[in-house]
Amino acid sequence: MQQRLDMLDLATAGEGLYEFTSKVLTLVRASGIRQGLLTLHCRHTSCSLLIQENADPDVMTDLRGFFARLVPQGMGWIVHDTEGPDDMPAHIRAALTQSSLSIPIMDGVPALGRWQGIYLFEHRTRPHRRQVAVHMLGEA
C-alpha cells in the first residue's frame, strides 16, 4: 500500500466553475497508484468542489444561475459582512455543496464517467488563489 499527498493551487477570476480534471489526472498518473482512492479537499470556506458534466457549458450557466437565485447577495438579514456583500452568501453556497470529494482510482485513473469533470466552484465575486489537497491511497 502506498500513498501520496499533493497540493493544487488554483487561480479563479471570480464567481464561477473552474474545471481542473486534467491537473488531477496528471497527479494520479504520476503517483503510480493503479487501484485505490483519491480524496480531494478544498481548504477554503467560500468555495467548494463538484463533480459535474463537462460536455455542455449550459450546465455551468444553469448551475451559476440556480445558486444566484437560491442564495442571492443583498439578503437583509445577513449579519456577517466584514469581507463584503458576497462573503456570507459564498459561505452559505459552500455549506450547501461539498468541501471534499472521494473518487475511486481504477487502472491508474480516477473512475469518472464519460461526461464528468472535477470543478472548483468559486462563490466569491473577486479573484482568489485556492488550494485543493490531493490525497491518494492504494496499490501500484
N, C-alpha and C. Protein backbone atom coordinates (compact mmCIF):
# COMPACT_ATOMS: atom_id res chain seq x y z
N MET A 1 0.86 -1.18 0.00
CA MET A 1 0.00 0.00 0.00
C MET A 1 0.90 1.23 0.00
N GLN A 2 0.58 2.17 -0.85
CA GLN A 2 1.32 3.43 -0.89
C GLN A 2 0.35 4.60 -0.86
N GLN A 3 0.91 5.75 -0.51
CA GLN A 3 0.08 6.95 -0.52
C GLN A 3 0.89 8.12 -1.02
N ARG A 4 0.17 9.15 -1.43
CA ARG A 4 0.80 10.38 -1.92
C ARG A 4 -0.10 11.55 -1.55
N LEU A 5 0.54 12.64 -1.16
CA LEU A 5 -0.18 13.87 -0.83
C LEU A 5 0.40 15.01 -1.65
N ASP A 6 -0.46 15.72 -2.35
CA ASP A 6 -0.06 16.87 -3.16
C ASP A 6 -0.99 18.03 -2.84
N MET A 7 -0.60 19.22 -3.30
CA MET A 7 -1.43 20.41 -3.16
C MET A 7 -1.55 21.06 -4.54
N LEU A 8 -2.79 21.33 -4.93
CA LEU A 8 -3.03 22.06 -6.18
C LEU A 8 -3.35 23.51 -5.85
N ASP A 9 -2.70 24.42 -6.53
CA ASP A 9 -3.00 25.85 -6.41
C ASP A 9 -3.81 26.23 -7.64
N LEU A 10 -5.01 26.76 -7.41
CA LEU A 10 -5.91 27.14 -8.50
C LEU A 10 -6.23 28.62 -8.40
N ALA A 11 -6.15 29.30 -9.51
CA ALA A 11 -6.49 30.73 -9.57
C ALA A 11 -7.89 30.86 -10.15
N THR A 12 -8.71 31.69 -9.53
CA THR A 12 -10.04 31.97 -10.06
C THR A 12 -10.10 33.44 -10.47
N ALA A 13 -11.01 33.73 -11.38
CA ALA A 13 -11.21 35.11 -11.84
C ALA A 13 -12.49 35.68 -11.25
N GLY A 14 -13.00 35.05 -10.20
CA GLY A 14 -14.25 35.45 -9.59
C GLY A 14 -15.25 34.32 -9.68
N GLU A 15 -16.48 34.62 -9.35
CA GLU A 15 -17.55 33.64 -9.28
C GLU A 15 -17.63 32.77 -10.54
N GLY A 16 -17.74 31.47 -10.35
CA GLY A 16 -17.85 30.57 -11.50
C GLY A 16 -17.32 29.18 -11.18
N LEU A 17 -17.40 28.31 -12.18
CA LEU A 17 -16.93 26.93 -12.06
C LEU A 17 -15.66 26.78 -12.88
N TYR A 18 -14.63 26.21 -12.25
CA TYR A 18 -13.32 26.07 -12.86
C TYR A 18 -12.94 24.60 -12.89
N GLU A 19 -12.91 24.03 -14.09
CA GLU A 19 -12.57 22.61 -14.20
C GLU A 19 -11.07 22.41 -14.01
N PHE A 20 -10.71 21.42 -13.20
CA PHE A 20 -9.30 21.10 -13.02
C PHE A 20 -9.06 19.58 -13.10
N THR A 21 -9.90 18.89 -13.86
CA THR A 21 -9.78 17.44 -14.04
C THR A 21 -8.41 17.05 -14.57
N SER A 22 -7.90 17.77 -15.55
CA SER A 22 -6.62 17.40 -16.16
C SER A 22 -5.47 17.47 -15.16
N LYS A 23 -5.52 18.43 -14.24
CA LYS A 23 -4.48 18.53 -13.21
C LYS A 23 -4.54 17.32 -12.27
N VAL A 24 -5.74 16.88 -11.94
CA VAL A 24 -5.91 15.71 -11.08
C VAL A 24 -5.41 14.45 -11.81
N LEU A 25 -5.78 14.31 -13.08
CA LEU A 25 -5.33 13.15 -13.86
C LEU A 25 -3.81 13.07 -13.89
N THR A 26 -3.14 14.21 -14.07
CA THR A 26 -1.68 14.24 -14.10
C THR A 26 -1.10 13.74 -12.77
N LEU A 27 -1.66 14.18 -11.65
CA LEU A 27 -1.16 13.76 -10.35
C LEU A 27 -1.41 12.27 -10.10
N VAL A 28 -2.59 11.79 -10.47
CA VAL A 28 -2.90 10.37 -10.27
C VAL A 28 -1.95 9.50 -11.10
N ARG A 29 -1.76 9.86 -12.35
CA ARG A 29 -0.85 9.08 -13.20
C ARG A 29 0.57 9.09 -12.64
N ALA A 30 1.03 10.25 -12.16
CA ALA A 30 2.39 10.36 -11.62
C ALA A 30 2.56 9.57 -10.32
N SER A 31 1.48 9.32 -9.62
CA SER A 31 1.57 8.61 -8.33
C SER A 31 1.93 7.14 -8.49
N GLY A 32 1.59 6.57 -9.63
CA GLY A 32 1.82 5.14 -9.83
C GLY A 32 0.77 4.26 -9.20
N ILE A 33 -0.20 4.86 -8.53
CA ILE A 33 -1.27 4.07 -7.90
C ILE A 33 -2.23 3.59 -8.98
N ARG A 34 -2.47 2.30 -9.04
CA ARG A 34 -3.34 1.70 -10.06
C ARG A 34 -4.75 1.46 -9.53
N GLN A 35 -4.85 1.06 -8.27
CA GLN A 35 -6.15 0.78 -7.64
C GLN A 35 -6.14 1.46 -6.27
N GLY A 36 -7.16 2.24 -5.97
CA GLY A 36 -7.17 2.89 -4.68
C GLY A 36 -8.24 3.95 -4.57
N LEU A 37 -7.95 4.96 -3.77
CA LEU A 37 -8.91 6.02 -3.51
C LEU A 37 -8.22 7.37 -3.59
N LEU A 38 -8.87 8.27 -4.30
CA LEU A 38 -8.44 9.66 -4.44
C LEU A 38 -9.36 10.52 -3.60
N THR A 39 -8.78 11.35 -2.76
CA THR A 39 -9.57 12.30 -1.97
C THR A 39 -9.09 13.71 -2.31
N LEU A 40 -10.04 14.58 -2.61
CA LEU A 40 -9.76 15.99 -2.87
C LEU A 40 -10.42 16.80 -1.77
N HIS A 41 -9.69 17.74 -1.21
CA HIS A 41 -10.25 18.57 -0.13
C HIS A 41 -9.91 20.04 -0.37
N CYS A 42 -10.94 20.87 -0.41
CA CYS A 42 -10.81 22.31 -0.60
C CYS A 42 -10.52 22.95 0.76
N ARG A 43 -9.48 23.77 0.82
CA ARG A 43 -9.04 24.36 2.09
C ARG A 43 -9.64 25.74 2.36
N HIS A 44 -10.85 25.98 1.85
CA HIS A 44 -11.46 27.30 1.98
C HIS A 44 -12.94 27.16 2.32
N THR A 45 -13.53 28.22 2.86
CA THR A 45 -14.92 28.17 3.29
C THR A 45 -15.86 28.99 2.41
N SER A 46 -15.35 29.54 1.32
CA SER A 46 -16.22 30.31 0.43
C SER A 46 -16.13 29.84 -1.03
N CYS A 47 -15.71 28.60 -1.19
CA CYS A 47 -15.76 27.92 -2.48
C CYS A 47 -15.96 26.43 -2.18
N SER A 48 -16.21 25.64 -3.20
CA SER A 48 -16.49 24.23 -2.97
C SER A 48 -16.04 23.40 -4.15
N LEU A 49 -16.23 22.09 -4.05
CA LEU A 49 -15.85 21.15 -5.09
C LEU A 49 -17.08 20.44 -5.64
N LEU A 50 -17.08 20.19 -6.93
CA LEU A 50 -18.18 19.48 -7.57
C LEU A 50 -17.66 18.51 -8.62
N ILE A 51 -18.35 17.40 -8.78
CA ILE A 51 -18.22 16.57 -9.97
C ILE A 51 -19.47 16.89 -10.78
N GLN A 52 -19.24 17.31 -12.02
CA GLN A 52 -20.37 17.76 -12.83
C GLN A 52 -20.09 17.49 -14.30
N GLU A 53 -21.13 17.59 -15.10
CA GLU A 53 -20.99 17.41 -16.55
C GLU A 53 -20.01 18.43 -17.12
N ASN A 54 -19.14 17.94 -18.00
CA ASN A 54 -18.18 18.85 -18.63
C ASN A 54 -18.34 18.92 -20.15
N ALA A 55 -19.46 18.44 -20.67
CA ALA A 55 -19.66 18.42 -22.12
C ALA A 55 -20.42 19.65 -22.62
N ASP A 56 -21.39 20.13 -21.89
CA ASP A 56 -22.23 21.24 -22.35
C ASP A 56 -22.06 22.42 -21.40
N PRO A 57 -21.50 23.55 -21.86
CA PRO A 57 -21.30 24.71 -20.99
C PRO A 57 -22.59 25.29 -20.42
N ASP A 58 -23.74 24.96 -21.02
CA ASP A 58 -25.01 25.45 -20.47
C ASP A 58 -25.26 24.91 -19.06
N VAL A 59 -24.68 23.74 -18.75
CA VAL A 59 -24.82 23.19 -17.40
C VAL A 59 -24.20 24.15 -16.38
N MET A 60 -23.03 24.68 -16.68
CA MET A 60 -22.35 25.62 -15.78
C MET A 60 -23.16 26.91 -15.64
N THR A 61 -23.69 27.39 -16.76
CA THR A 61 -24.52 28.60 -16.75
C THR A 61 -25.73 28.40 -15.84
N ASP A 62 -26.40 27.27 -16.00
CA ASP A 62 -27.60 27.00 -15.20
C ASP A 62 -27.27 26.80 -13.72
N LEU A 63 -26.15 26.15 -13.41
CA LEU A 63 -25.75 25.99 -12.01
C LEU A 63 -25.47 27.34 -11.36
N ARG A 64 -24.73 28.19 -12.05
CA ARG A 64 -24.45 29.54 -11.51
C ARG A 64 -25.74 30.31 -11.31
N GLY A 65 -26.65 30.23 -12.26
CA GLY A 65 -27.94 30.91 -12.14
C GLY A 65 -28.78 30.39 -10.99
N PHE A 66 -28.78 29.06 -10.81
CA PHE A 66 -29.54 28.46 -9.72
C PHE A 66 -29.04 28.95 -8.36
N PHE A 67 -27.72 28.91 -8.15
CA PHE A 67 -27.18 29.34 -6.85
C PHE A 67 -27.34 30.84 -6.64
N ALA A 68 -27.29 31.64 -7.71
CA ALA A 68 -27.51 33.08 -7.58
C ALA A 68 -28.94 33.37 -7.14
N ARG A 69 -29.88 32.55 -7.59
CA ARG A 69 -31.28 32.73 -7.18
C ARG A 69 -31.53 32.16 -5.78
N LEU A 70 -30.90 31.02 -5.51
CA LEU A 70 -31.10 30.35 -4.21
C LEU A 70 -30.50 31.16 -3.06
N VAL A 71 -29.28 31.68 -3.28
CA VAL A 71 -28.57 32.44 -2.25
C VAL A 71 -28.06 33.73 -2.88
N PRO A 72 -28.93 34.73 -3.03
CA PRO A 72 -28.50 35.98 -3.67
C PRO A 72 -27.72 36.88 -2.71
N GLN A 73 -26.97 37.79 -3.28
CA GLN A 73 -26.35 38.83 -2.46
C GLN A 73 -27.44 39.82 -2.05
N GLY A 74 -27.21 40.54 -0.97
CA GLY A 74 -28.13 41.58 -0.54
C GLY A 74 -29.29 41.11 0.32
N MET A 75 -29.16 39.93 0.91
CA MET A 75 -30.21 39.46 1.83
C MET A 75 -30.11 40.30 3.10
N GLY A 76 -31.16 41.02 3.43
CA GLY A 76 -31.14 41.98 4.52
C GLY A 76 -30.88 41.40 5.91
N TRP A 77 -31.09 40.14 6.09
CA TRP A 77 -30.92 39.54 7.41
C TRP A 77 -29.48 39.11 7.70
N ILE A 78 -28.58 39.21 6.72
CA ILE A 78 -27.18 38.80 6.88
C ILE A 78 -26.48 39.71 7.89
N VAL A 79 -25.77 39.11 8.84
CA VAL A 79 -25.00 39.85 9.84
C VAL A 79 -23.53 39.91 9.45
N HIS A 80 -22.98 38.78 8.98
CA HIS A 80 -21.56 38.70 8.64
C HIS A 80 -21.31 39.33 7.28
N ASP A 81 -20.77 40.55 7.28
CA ASP A 81 -20.47 41.23 6.02
C ASP A 81 -19.10 41.91 6.07
N THR A 82 -18.24 41.44 6.97
CA THR A 82 -16.92 42.04 7.17
C THR A 82 -16.10 42.10 5.89
N GLU A 83 -16.19 41.05 5.06
CA GLU A 83 -15.38 41.00 3.84
C GLU A 83 -16.18 41.36 2.59
N GLY A 84 -17.33 41.98 2.76
CA GLY A 84 -18.11 42.42 1.62
C GLY A 84 -19.43 41.70 1.49
N PRO A 85 -20.29 42.19 0.60
CA PRO A 85 -21.64 41.64 0.47
C PRO A 85 -21.69 40.24 -0.14
N ASP A 86 -20.60 39.79 -0.77
CA ASP A 86 -20.60 38.45 -1.36
C ASP A 86 -20.08 37.39 -0.41
N ASP A 87 -19.55 37.80 0.76
CA ASP A 87 -18.88 36.84 1.65
C ASP A 87 -19.84 35.84 2.28
N MET A 88 -20.86 36.30 2.96
CA MET A 88 -21.77 35.36 3.62
C MET A 88 -22.56 34.52 2.62
N PRO A 89 -23.06 35.09 1.52
CA PRO A 89 -23.68 34.22 0.52
C PRO A 89 -22.72 33.14 0.02
N ALA A 90 -21.42 33.46 -0.10
CA ALA A 90 -20.43 32.46 -0.51
C ALA A 90 -20.32 31.35 0.53
N HIS A 91 -20.34 31.70 1.80
CA HIS A 91 -20.28 30.68 2.86
C HIS A 91 -21.52 29.78 2.82
N ILE A 92 -22.66 30.36 2.59
CA ILE A 92 -23.91 29.57 2.52
C ILE A 92 -23.86 28.62 1.32
N ARG A 93 -23.43 29.12 0.18
CA ARG A 93 -23.33 28.27 -1.02
C ARG A 93 -22.35 27.12 -0.79
N ALA A 94 -21.23 27.42 -0.13
CA ALA A 94 -20.25 26.37 0.18
C ALA A 94 -20.84 25.34 1.14
N ALA A 95 -21.66 25.80 2.09
CA ALA A 95 -22.29 24.87 3.04
C ALA A 95 -23.29 23.96 2.34
N LEU A 96 -23.88 24.40 1.24
CA LEU A 96 -24.86 23.60 0.50
C LEU A 96 -24.22 22.63 -0.48
N THR A 97 -22.93 22.77 -0.70
CA THR A 97 -22.23 21.91 -1.65
C THR A 97 -21.24 21.04 -0.88
N GLN A 98 -20.03 20.86 -1.40
CA GLN A 98 -19.08 19.94 -0.76
C GLN A 98 -17.70 20.57 -0.66
N SER A 99 -17.00 20.25 0.40
CA SER A 99 -15.61 20.69 0.51
C SER A 99 -14.64 19.56 0.20
N SER A 100 -15.13 18.31 0.15
CA SER A 100 -14.29 17.16 -0.17
C SER A 100 -15.00 16.23 -1.13
N LEU A 101 -14.18 15.54 -1.96
CA LEU A 101 -14.69 14.53 -2.88
C LEU A 101 -13.85 13.28 -2.72
N SER A 102 -14.47 12.12 -2.84
CA SER A 102 -13.76 10.83 -2.86
C SER A 102 -14.08 10.15 -4.18
N ILE A 103 -13.03 9.75 -4.89
CA ILE A 103 -13.19 9.13 -6.20
C ILE A 103 -12.31 7.88 -6.25
N PRO A 104 -12.87 6.74 -6.61
CA PRO A 104 -12.03 5.54 -6.75
C PRO A 104 -11.00 5.73 -7.87
N ILE A 105 -9.85 5.11 -7.68
CA ILE A 105 -8.84 5.04 -8.74
C ILE A 105 -8.90 3.62 -9.29
N MET A 106 -9.14 3.51 -10.60
CA MET A 106 -9.23 2.21 -11.27
C MET A 106 -8.29 2.22 -12.48
N ASP A 107 -7.42 1.25 -12.55
CA ASP A 107 -6.48 1.15 -13.67
C ASP A 107 -5.67 2.43 -13.85
N GLY A 108 -5.30 3.06 -12.75
CA GLY A 108 -4.41 4.21 -12.77
C GLY A 108 -5.04 5.55 -13.09
N VAL A 109 -6.39 5.61 -13.15
CA VAL A 109 -7.07 6.89 -13.41
C VAL A 109 -8.30 7.02 -12.50
N PRO A 110 -8.72 8.24 -12.21
CA PRO A 110 -9.96 8.40 -11.44
C PRO A 110 -11.13 7.78 -12.20
N ALA A 111 -12.01 7.11 -11.49
CA ALA A 111 -13.14 6.40 -12.10
C ALA A 111 -14.30 7.36 -12.36
N LEU A 112 -14.05 8.36 -13.19
CA LEU A 112 -15.07 9.32 -13.56
C LEU A 112 -15.85 8.80 -14.75
N GLY A 113 -17.10 9.21 -14.85
CA GLY A 113 -17.91 8.87 -16.00
C GLY A 113 -17.48 9.68 -17.22
N ARG A 114 -17.97 9.29 -18.37
CA ARG A 114 -17.57 9.90 -19.64
C ARG A 114 -17.72 11.42 -19.65
N TRP A 115 -18.79 11.95 -19.12
CA TRP A 115 -19.06 13.38 -19.18
C TRP A 115 -18.81 14.08 -17.86
N GLN A 116 -18.10 13.42 -16.93
CA GLN A 116 -17.86 14.03 -15.62
C GLN A 116 -16.53 14.76 -15.58
N GLY A 117 -16.54 15.93 -14.96
CA GLY A 117 -15.34 16.69 -14.71
C GLY A 117 -15.31 17.12 -13.25
N ILE A 118 -14.13 17.47 -12.78
CA ILE A 118 -13.93 17.92 -11.40
C ILE A 118 -13.78 19.44 -11.44
N TYR A 119 -14.59 20.12 -10.62
CA TYR A 119 -14.64 21.58 -10.64
C TYR A 119 -14.43 22.18 -9.26
N LEU A 120 -13.76 23.31 -9.25
CA LEU A 120 -13.78 24.21 -8.10
C LEU A 120 -14.90 25.20 -8.38
N PHE A 121 -15.81 25.34 -7.45
CA PHE A 121 -16.94 26.27 -7.59
C PHE A 121 -16.63 27.49 -6.74
N GLU A 122 -16.17 28.55 -7.38
CA GLU A 122 -15.83 29.79 -6.68
C GLU A 122 -17.11 30.57 -6.42
N HIS A 123 -17.34 30.89 -5.15
CA HIS A 123 -18.56 31.60 -4.76
C HIS A 123 -18.33 33.09 -4.51
N ARG A 124 -17.08 33.54 -4.52
CA ARG A 124 -16.78 34.96 -4.32
C ARG A 124 -16.72 35.68 -5.66
N THR A 125 -16.99 36.99 -5.65
CA THR A 125 -17.05 37.74 -6.91
C THR A 125 -15.67 38.21 -7.39
N ARG A 126 -14.70 38.30 -6.51
CA ARG A 126 -13.38 38.76 -6.95
C ARG A 126 -12.42 37.56 -7.09
N PRO A 127 -11.32 37.73 -7.82
CA PRO A 127 -10.36 36.64 -8.00
C PRO A 127 -9.75 36.17 -6.68
N HIS A 128 -9.46 34.88 -6.62
CA HIS A 128 -8.81 34.28 -5.45
C HIS A 128 -7.80 33.23 -5.89
N ARG A 129 -6.88 32.94 -5.00
CA ARG A 129 -5.98 31.78 -5.15
C ARG A 129 -6.52 30.73 -4.19
N ARG A 130 -6.80 29.56 -4.70
CA ARG A 130 -7.39 28.49 -3.90
C ARG A 130 -6.47 27.29 -3.88
N GLN A 131 -6.53 26.54 -2.77
CA GLN A 131 -5.74 25.32 -2.63
C GLN A 131 -6.66 24.13 -2.45
N VAL A 132 -6.32 23.06 -3.15
CA VAL A 132 -7.02 21.79 -3.01
C VAL A 132 -5.98 20.73 -2.66
N ALA A 133 -6.16 20.10 -1.50
CA ALA A 133 -5.30 19.00 -1.08
C ALA A 133 -5.73 17.74 -1.85
N VAL A 134 -4.73 17.01 -2.34
CA VAL A 134 -4.97 15.80 -3.13
C VAL A 134 -4.28 14.65 -2.41
N HIS A 135 -5.07 13.69 -1.93
CA HIS A 135 -4.52 12.52 -1.24
C HIS A 135 -4.91 11.27 -2.01
N MET A 136 -3.92 10.40 -2.24
CA MET A 136 -4.18 9.12 -2.91
C MET A 136 -3.64 7.99 -2.05
N LEU A 137 -4.41 6.94 -1.96
CA LEU A 137 -4.03 5.76 -1.19
C LEU A 137 -4.39 4.54 -2.02
N GLY A 138 -3.44 3.65 -2.18
CA GLY A 138 -3.76 2.45 -2.96
C GLY A 138 -2.53 1.63 -3.28
N GLU A 139 -2.71 0.78 -4.30
CA GLU A 139 -1.66 -0.15 -4.69
C GLU A 139 -1.23 0.10 -6.12
N ALA A 140 0.05 -0.10 -6.35
CA ALA A 140 0.62 0.08 -7.70
C ALA A 140 0.27 -1.09 -8.60
